Amino acid sequence: MRMGTTLRVARPTDRLDEVVRFYADGLGLERLASFEDHDGFDGAILGVPGAAYHLEFTRKRGRAAGRAPTDDNLLVFYLPDRQEWQEAINRMIGAGYEPVQSFNPYWDHAGRTFEDPDGYRVVLQNASWSA
């Protein structure tokens, strides 16, 4: 892989509207695109305009997607600025989502974990990451 590659994380859901609300209203991502009845699928793509990543959530008509297989299925967002991190936490709580205890206690040291309507978890980590 090289710079300029875009990452799309896609997963199915039985609760499309609730999941979109969690990631848009709670996490603060924007709806970049959506579709209905595209070969039997409905979906929404959320992200930050211009960022090299986005999330796609789909619902297949007539087929159940189920819940997250474990409590350790995570998306981790590194927010090094303490004020930006606290604002993100406050936005989640203001949208009605309370932090949950992480399965792996590492994430509770400098982060907060939230569970989406399907049981998948998002960690807002107050740290920087460089590879």
N, C-alpha and C. Protein backbone atom coordinates (compact mmCIF):
# COMPACT_ATOMS: atom_id res chain seq x y z
N MET A 1 0.83 -1.18 0.00
CA MET A 1 0.00 0.00 0.00
C MET A 1 0.88 1.25 0.00
N ARG A 2 0.34 2.28 -0.57
CA ARG A 2 1.06 3.55 -0.64
C ARG A 2 0.19 4.70 -0.16
N MET A 3 0.83 5.81 0.13
CA MET A 3 0.09 7.03 0.47
C MET A 3 -0.88 7.31 -0.68
N GLY A 4 -2.01 7.82 -0.33
CA GLY A 4 -3.03 8.09 -1.35
C GLY A 4 -4.09 7.00 -1.42
N THR A 5 -3.83 5.87 -0.77
CA THR A 5 -4.82 4.80 -0.71
C THR A 5 -5.91 5.21 0.28
N THR A 6 -7.15 4.94 -0.07
CA THR A 6 -8.26 5.22 0.83
C THR A 6 -8.73 3.92 1.45
N LEU A 7 -8.98 3.94 2.74
CA LEU A 7 -9.46 2.78 3.47
C LEU A 7 -10.96 2.92 3.70
N ARG A 8 -11.72 1.92 3.28
CA ARG A 8 -13.15 1.85 3.61
C ARG A 8 -13.36 0.64 4.48
N VAL A 9 -13.92 0.87 5.66
CA VAL A 9 -14.31 -0.22 6.55
C VAL A 9 -15.80 -0.39 6.35
N ALA A 10 -16.21 -1.57 5.89
CA ALA A 10 -17.61 -1.82 5.58
C ALA A 10 -18.12 -2.97 6.44
N ARG A 11 -19.34 -2.80 6.94
CA ARG A 11 -19.94 -3.89 7.69
C ARG A 11 -21.46 -3.79 7.63
N PRO A 12 -22.11 -4.93 7.76
CA PRO A 12 -23.57 -4.95 7.72
C PRO A 12 -24.16 -4.61 9.08
N THR A 13 -25.41 -4.24 9.07
CA THR A 13 -26.13 -3.94 10.30
C THR A 13 -27.61 -4.23 10.09
N ASP A 14 -28.29 -4.57 11.16
CA ASP A 14 -29.74 -4.69 11.14
C ASP A 14 -30.40 -3.39 11.59
N ARG A 15 -29.60 -2.45 12.05
CA ARG A 15 -30.11 -1.20 12.64
C ARG A 15 -29.48 0.00 11.94
N LEU A 16 -29.66 0.09 10.66
CA LEU A 16 -28.98 1.10 9.86
C LEU A 16 -29.19 2.52 10.39
N ASP A 17 -30.43 2.92 10.64
CA ASP A 17 -30.69 4.29 11.09
C ASP A 17 -30.04 4.56 12.44
N GLU A 18 -30.11 3.60 13.36
CA GLU A 18 -29.52 3.79 14.70
C GLU A 18 -28.00 3.85 14.63
N VAL A 19 -27.41 3.02 13.78
CA VAL A 19 -25.95 3.01 13.64
C VAL A 19 -25.46 4.31 12.99
N VAL A 20 -26.17 4.77 11.98
CA VAL A 20 -25.80 6.04 11.34
C VAL A 20 -25.89 7.17 12.36
N ARG A 21 -26.91 7.18 13.19
CA ARG A 21 -27.04 8.21 14.22
C ARG A 21 -25.86 8.16 15.19
N PHE A 22 -25.45 6.96 15.62
CA PHE A 22 -24.31 6.83 16.53
C PHE A 22 -23.06 7.45 15.93
N TYR A 23 -22.73 7.10 14.68
CA TYR A 23 -21.48 7.57 14.08
C TYR A 23 -21.56 9.02 13.59
N ALA A 24 -22.75 9.49 13.24
CA ALA A 24 -22.89 10.88 12.79
C ALA A 24 -23.12 11.82 13.97
N ASP A 25 -24.20 11.62 14.71
CA ASP A 25 -24.52 12.54 15.81
C ASP A 25 -23.58 12.37 16.99
N GLY A 26 -23.21 11.13 17.30
CA GLY A 26 -22.33 10.87 18.44
C GLY A 26 -20.87 11.12 18.11
N LEU A 27 -20.36 10.39 17.13
CA LEU A 27 -18.94 10.48 16.81
C LEU A 27 -18.59 11.74 16.02
N GLY A 28 -19.55 12.27 15.28
CA GLY A 28 -19.32 13.52 14.55
C GLY A 28 -18.88 13.33 13.11
N LEU A 29 -19.03 12.10 12.57
CA LEU A 29 -18.72 11.89 11.17
C LEU A 29 -19.85 12.43 10.30
N GLU A 30 -19.52 12.78 9.07
CA GLU A 30 -20.52 13.29 8.13
C GLU A 30 -20.97 12.19 7.19
N ARG A 31 -22.22 12.27 6.78
CA ARG A 31 -22.74 11.34 5.78
C ARG A 31 -22.18 11.79 4.43
N LEU A 32 -21.32 10.98 3.86
CA LEU A 32 -20.69 11.30 2.59
C LEU A 32 -21.53 10.84 1.41
N ALA A 33 -22.27 9.75 1.60
CA ALA A 33 -23.13 9.20 0.55
C ALA A 33 -24.10 8.23 1.20
N SER A 34 -25.16 7.93 0.48
CA SER A 34 -26.09 6.90 0.92
C SER A 34 -26.77 6.32 -0.30
N PHE A 35 -27.36 5.16 -0.13
CA PHE A 35 -28.04 4.51 -1.25
C PHE A 35 -29.17 3.64 -0.72
N GLU A 36 -30.17 3.43 -1.57
CA GLU A 36 -31.30 2.57 -1.24
C GLU A 36 -31.53 1.59 -2.38
N ASP A 37 -31.78 0.35 -2.00
CA ASP A 37 -32.10 -0.73 -2.93
C ASP A 37 -31.09 -0.84 -4.09
N HIS A 38 -29.82 -0.78 -3.72
CA HIS A 38 -28.77 -1.03 -4.70
C HIS A 38 -28.52 -2.54 -4.70
N ASP A 39 -29.13 -3.24 -5.63
CA ASP A 39 -29.07 -4.70 -5.69
C ASP A 39 -29.53 -5.33 -4.37
N GLY A 40 -30.55 -4.73 -3.75
CA GLY A 40 -31.10 -5.25 -2.51
C GLY A 40 -30.44 -4.71 -1.25
N PHE A 41 -29.50 -3.82 -1.38
CA PHE A 41 -28.80 -3.24 -0.23
C PHE A 41 -29.17 -1.78 -0.05
N ASP A 42 -29.29 -1.39 1.22
CA ASP A 42 -29.39 0.02 1.60
C ASP A 42 -28.12 0.32 2.38
N GLY A 43 -27.67 1.56 2.32
CA GLY A 43 -26.44 1.85 3.06
C GLY A 43 -26.13 3.32 3.18
N ALA A 44 -25.13 3.58 4.00
CA ALA A 44 -24.64 4.93 4.22
C ALA A 44 -23.13 4.87 4.38
N ILE A 45 -22.46 5.87 3.86
CA ILE A 45 -21.01 6.01 3.97
C ILE A 45 -20.75 7.27 4.77
N LEU A 46 -19.99 7.11 5.87
CA LEU A 46 -19.71 8.23 6.77
C LEU A 46 -18.21 8.44 6.89
N GLY A 47 -17.82 9.67 7.12
CA GLY A 47 -16.41 9.97 7.29
C GLY A 47 -16.19 11.46 7.46
N VAL A 48 -14.96 11.86 7.27
CA VAL A 48 -14.56 13.26 7.28
C VAL A 48 -14.21 13.61 5.85
N PRO A 49 -14.88 14.60 5.27
CA PRO A 49 -14.58 14.94 3.87
C PRO A 49 -13.09 15.14 3.65
N GLY A 50 -12.54 14.48 2.64
CA GLY A 50 -11.13 14.61 2.30
C GLY A 50 -10.22 13.66 3.03
N ALA A 51 -10.71 12.98 4.07
CA ALA A 51 -9.87 12.03 4.81
C ALA A 51 -9.69 10.75 3.99
N ALA A 52 -8.65 10.02 4.30
CA ALA A 52 -8.32 8.80 3.55
C ALA A 52 -8.99 7.57 4.15
N TYR A 53 -10.05 7.76 4.89
CA TYR A 53 -10.81 6.64 5.45
C TYR A 53 -12.28 7.01 5.51
N HIS A 54 -13.12 6.02 5.47
CA HIS A 54 -14.54 6.21 5.73
C HIS A 54 -15.16 4.88 6.12
N LEU A 55 -16.34 4.96 6.69
CA LEU A 55 -17.06 3.78 7.16
C LEU A 55 -18.31 3.60 6.32
N GLU A 56 -18.58 2.36 5.94
CA GLU A 56 -19.79 2.05 5.19
C GLU A 56 -20.62 1.06 6.00
N PHE A 57 -21.89 1.36 6.16
CA PHE A 57 -22.81 0.48 6.86
C PHE A 57 -23.91 0.10 5.88
N THR A 58 -24.18 -1.19 5.80
CA THR A 58 -25.18 -1.68 4.84
C THR A 58 -26.20 -2.58 5.51
N ARG A 59 -27.35 -2.63 4.88
CA ARG A 59 -28.41 -3.54 5.30
C ARG A 59 -28.88 -4.28 4.05
N LYS A 60 -28.84 -5.60 4.10
CA LYS A 60 -29.33 -6.44 3.01
C LYS A 60 -30.77 -6.81 3.32
N ARG A 61 -31.65 -6.46 2.46
CA ARG A 61 -33.06 -6.74 2.69
C ARG A 61 -33.29 -8.24 2.79
N GLY A 62 -33.96 -8.63 3.87
CA GLY A 62 -34.30 -10.03 4.06
C GLY A 62 -33.21 -10.89 4.66
N ARG A 63 -32.12 -10.26 5.12
CA ARG A 63 -31.01 -11.03 5.70
C ARG A 63 -30.52 -10.37 6.99
N ALA A 64 -30.42 -11.15 8.05
CA ALA A 64 -29.97 -10.61 9.34
C ALA A 64 -28.45 -10.54 9.40
N ALA A 65 -27.95 -9.45 9.97
CA ALA A 65 -26.51 -9.27 10.12
C ALA A 65 -26.02 -9.71 11.50
N GLY A 66 -26.84 -9.55 12.52
CA GLY A 66 -26.45 -9.94 13.87
C GLY A 66 -25.62 -8.87 14.57
N ARG A 67 -25.15 -9.24 15.76
CA ARG A 67 -24.37 -8.33 16.60
C ARG A 67 -22.87 -8.61 16.46
N ALA A 68 -22.08 -7.74 17.07
CA ALA A 68 -20.63 -7.91 17.10
C ALA A 68 -20.29 -9.26 17.74
N PRO A 69 -19.30 -9.96 17.21
CA PRO A 69 -18.98 -11.28 17.76
C PRO A 69 -18.30 -11.24 19.13
N THR A 70 -17.63 -10.12 19.48
CA THR A 70 -16.96 -10.01 20.79
C THR A 70 -17.01 -8.57 21.26
N ASP A 71 -16.62 -8.36 22.51
CA ASP A 71 -16.52 -7.00 23.06
C ASP A 71 -15.21 -6.32 22.68
N ASP A 72 -14.37 -6.99 21.93
CA ASP A 72 -13.07 -6.44 21.57
C ASP A 72 -12.97 -6.14 20.08
N ASN A 73 -14.12 -5.97 19.40
CA ASN A 73 -14.12 -5.50 18.01
C ASN A 73 -14.14 -3.98 18.06
N LEU A 74 -13.00 -3.36 17.72
CA LEU A 74 -12.80 -1.93 17.97
C LEU A 74 -12.44 -1.14 16.72
N LEU A 75 -12.90 0.10 16.71
CA LEU A 75 -12.33 1.15 15.88
C LEU A 75 -11.71 2.12 16.86
N VAL A 76 -10.46 2.48 16.66
CA VAL A 76 -9.76 3.37 17.58
C VAL A 76 -9.43 4.67 16.85
N PHE A 77 -9.85 5.78 17.44
CA PHE A 77 -9.53 7.10 16.92
C PHE A 77 -8.59 7.76 17.91
N TYR A 78 -7.41 8.14 17.43
CA TYR A 78 -6.41 8.81 18.27
C TYR A 78 -6.62 10.32 18.17
N LEU A 79 -6.90 10.93 19.30
CA LEU A 79 -7.13 12.37 19.39
C LEU A 79 -6.10 12.94 20.36
N PRO A 80 -4.95 13.42 19.87
CA PRO A 80 -3.88 13.85 20.76
C PRO A 80 -4.19 15.14 21.52
N ASP A 81 -5.01 16.02 20.97
CA ASP A 81 -5.34 17.27 21.64
C ASP A 81 -6.38 17.01 22.73
N ARG A 82 -6.04 17.33 23.96
CA ARG A 82 -6.91 17.03 25.11
C ARG A 82 -8.28 17.69 24.98
N GLN A 83 -8.34 18.92 24.53
CA GLN A 83 -9.62 19.61 24.39
C GLN A 83 -10.47 18.97 23.30
N GLU A 84 -9.87 18.64 22.16
CA GLU A 84 -10.60 17.97 21.08
C GLU A 84 -11.13 16.62 21.55
N TRP A 85 -10.31 15.89 22.30
CA TRP A 85 -10.71 14.60 22.84
C TRP A 85 -11.90 14.76 23.78
N GLN A 86 -11.83 15.74 24.69
CA GLN A 86 -12.93 15.95 25.64
C GLN A 86 -14.20 16.38 24.92
N GLU A 87 -14.07 17.20 23.88
CA GLU A 87 -15.23 17.60 23.09
C GLU A 87 -15.87 16.39 22.42
N ALA A 88 -15.06 15.46 21.95
CA ALA A 88 -15.59 14.24 21.33
C ALA A 88 -16.34 13.39 22.36
N ILE A 89 -15.78 13.28 23.56
CA ILE A 89 -16.44 12.54 24.64
C ILE A 89 -17.78 13.21 24.97
N ASN A 90 -17.75 14.53 25.11
CA ASN A 90 -18.96 15.28 25.45
C ASN A 90 -20.03 15.15 24.36
N ARG A 91 -19.61 15.13 23.10
CA ARG A 91 -20.55 14.98 21.99
C ARG A 91 -21.24 13.61 22.06
N MET A 92 -20.45 12.56 22.35
CA MET A 92 -21.03 11.22 22.47
C MET A 92 -22.05 11.19 23.61
N ILE A 93 -21.67 11.71 24.76
CA ILE A 93 -22.56 11.69 25.92
C ILE A 93 -23.80 12.56 25.65
N GLY A 94 -23.59 13.70 25.01
CA GLY A 94 -24.70 14.58 24.67
C GLY A 94 -25.69 13.95 23.70
N ALA A 95 -25.20 13.04 22.87
CA ALA A 95 -26.07 12.33 21.92
C ALA A 95 -26.74 11.12 22.57
N GLY A 96 -26.43 10.89 23.85
CA GLY A 96 -27.09 9.81 24.57
C GLY A 96 -26.29 8.53 24.71
N TYR A 97 -24.99 8.57 24.43
CA TYR A 97 -24.15 7.37 24.50
C TYR A 97 -23.19 7.50 25.69
N GLU A 98 -23.26 6.57 26.59
CA GLU A 98 -22.40 6.57 27.78
C GLU A 98 -21.19 5.66 27.55
N PRO A 99 -20.04 6.00 28.09
CA PRO A 99 -18.87 5.13 27.97
C PRO A 99 -19.13 3.78 28.63
N VAL A 100 -18.48 2.75 28.09
CA VAL A 100 -18.52 1.41 28.66
C VAL A 100 -17.10 1.02 29.04
N GLN A 101 -16.97 0.08 29.94
CA GLN A 101 -15.64 -0.41 30.31
C GLN A 101 -15.08 -1.23 29.15
N SER A 102 -13.83 -0.98 28.82
CA SER A 102 -13.19 -1.72 27.74
C SER A 102 -12.93 -3.16 28.15
N PHE A 103 -13.01 -4.04 27.17
CA PHE A 103 -12.65 -5.44 27.40
C PHE A 103 -11.17 -5.52 27.75
N ASN A 104 -10.35 -4.79 27.00
CA ASN A 104 -8.91 -4.70 27.26
C ASN A 104 -8.68 -3.42 28.07
N PRO A 105 -8.26 -3.55 29.33
CA PRO A 105 -8.12 -2.37 30.19
C PRO A 105 -7.14 -1.32 29.67
N TYR A 106 -6.28 -1.67 28.74
CA TYR A 106 -5.35 -0.71 28.17
C TYR A 106 -6.10 0.53 27.67
N TRP A 107 -7.24 0.33 27.02
CA TRP A 107 -7.96 1.43 26.39
C TRP A 107 -8.59 2.38 27.41
N ASP A 108 -8.75 1.94 28.65
CA ASP A 108 -9.33 2.81 29.67
C ASP A 108 -8.31 3.75 30.31
N HIS A 109 -7.01 3.54 30.08
CA HIS A 109 -5.98 4.39 30.69
C HIS A 109 -5.99 5.81 30.12
N ALA A 110 -6.12 5.92 28.82
CA ALA A 110 -6.10 7.25 28.20
C ALA A 110 -7.23 7.40 27.18
N GLY A 111 -8.27 6.61 27.35
CA GLY A 111 -9.36 6.67 26.39
C GLY A 111 -10.71 6.38 27.01
N ARG A 112 -11.71 6.51 26.18
CA ARG A 112 -13.07 6.15 26.56
C ARG A 112 -13.63 5.29 25.42
N THR A 113 -14.36 4.27 25.82
CA THR A 113 -14.94 3.33 24.85
C THR A 113 -16.45 3.49 24.84
N PHE A 114 -17.02 3.47 23.64
CA PHE A 114 -18.46 3.55 23.45
C PHE A 114 -18.90 2.38 22.58
N GLU A 115 -20.09 1.87 22.87
CA GLU A 115 -20.61 0.73 22.12
C GLU A 115 -21.73 1.19 21.20
N ASP A 116 -21.64 0.82 19.92
CA ASP A 116 -22.68 1.21 18.98
C ASP A 116 -23.89 0.27 19.12
N PRO A 117 -24.99 0.56 18.43
CA PRO A 117 -26.20 -0.25 18.59
C PRO A 117 -26.04 -1.73 18.22
N ASP A 118 -25.01 -2.08 17.49
CA ASP A 118 -24.76 -3.47 17.13
C ASP A 118 -23.75 -4.15 18.05
N GLY A 119 -23.23 -3.44 19.04
CA GLY A 119 -22.27 -4.02 19.96
C GLY A 119 -20.82 -3.84 19.54
N TYR A 120 -20.56 -3.22 18.39
CA TYR A 120 -19.19 -2.89 18.00
C TYR A 120 -18.76 -1.67 18.81
N ARG A 121 -17.49 -1.57 19.08
CA ARG A 121 -17.01 -0.53 19.97
C ARG A 121 -16.07 0.44 19.29
N VAL A 122 -16.14 1.68 19.76
CA VAL A 122 -15.29 2.77 19.29
C VAL A 122 -14.54 3.31 20.49
N VAL A 123 -13.22 3.40 20.35
CA VAL A 123 -12.37 3.97 21.40
C VAL A 123 -11.93 5.36 20.95
N LEU A 124 -12.14 6.32 21.82
CA LEU A 124 -11.60 7.67 21.62
C LEU A 124 -10.40 7.78 22.54
N GLN A 125 -9.22 7.73 21.94
CA GLN A 125 -7.97 7.63 22.69
C GLN A 125 -7.28 8.98 22.71
N ASN A 126 -7.00 9.50 23.90
CA ASN A 126 -6.31 10.77 24.05
C ASN A 126 -4.80 10.52 23.98
N ALA A 127 -4.33 10.29 22.77
CA ALA A 127 -2.91 10.00 22.53
C ALA A 127 -2.65 10.25 21.05
N SER A 128 -1.38 10.31 20.70
CA SER A 128 -1.04 10.42 19.29
C SER A 128 -0.51 9.07 18.82
N TRP A 129 -0.51 8.90 17.54
CA TRP A 129 0.00 7.67 16.94
C TRP A 129 0.82 8.05 15.73
N SER A 130 2.00 7.52 15.66
CA SER A 130 2.82 7.71 14.46
C SER A 130 3.46 6.36 14.15
N ALA A 131 3.47 6.07 12.89
CA ALA A 131 4.02 4.77 12.47
C ALA A 131 5.37 4.96 11.84
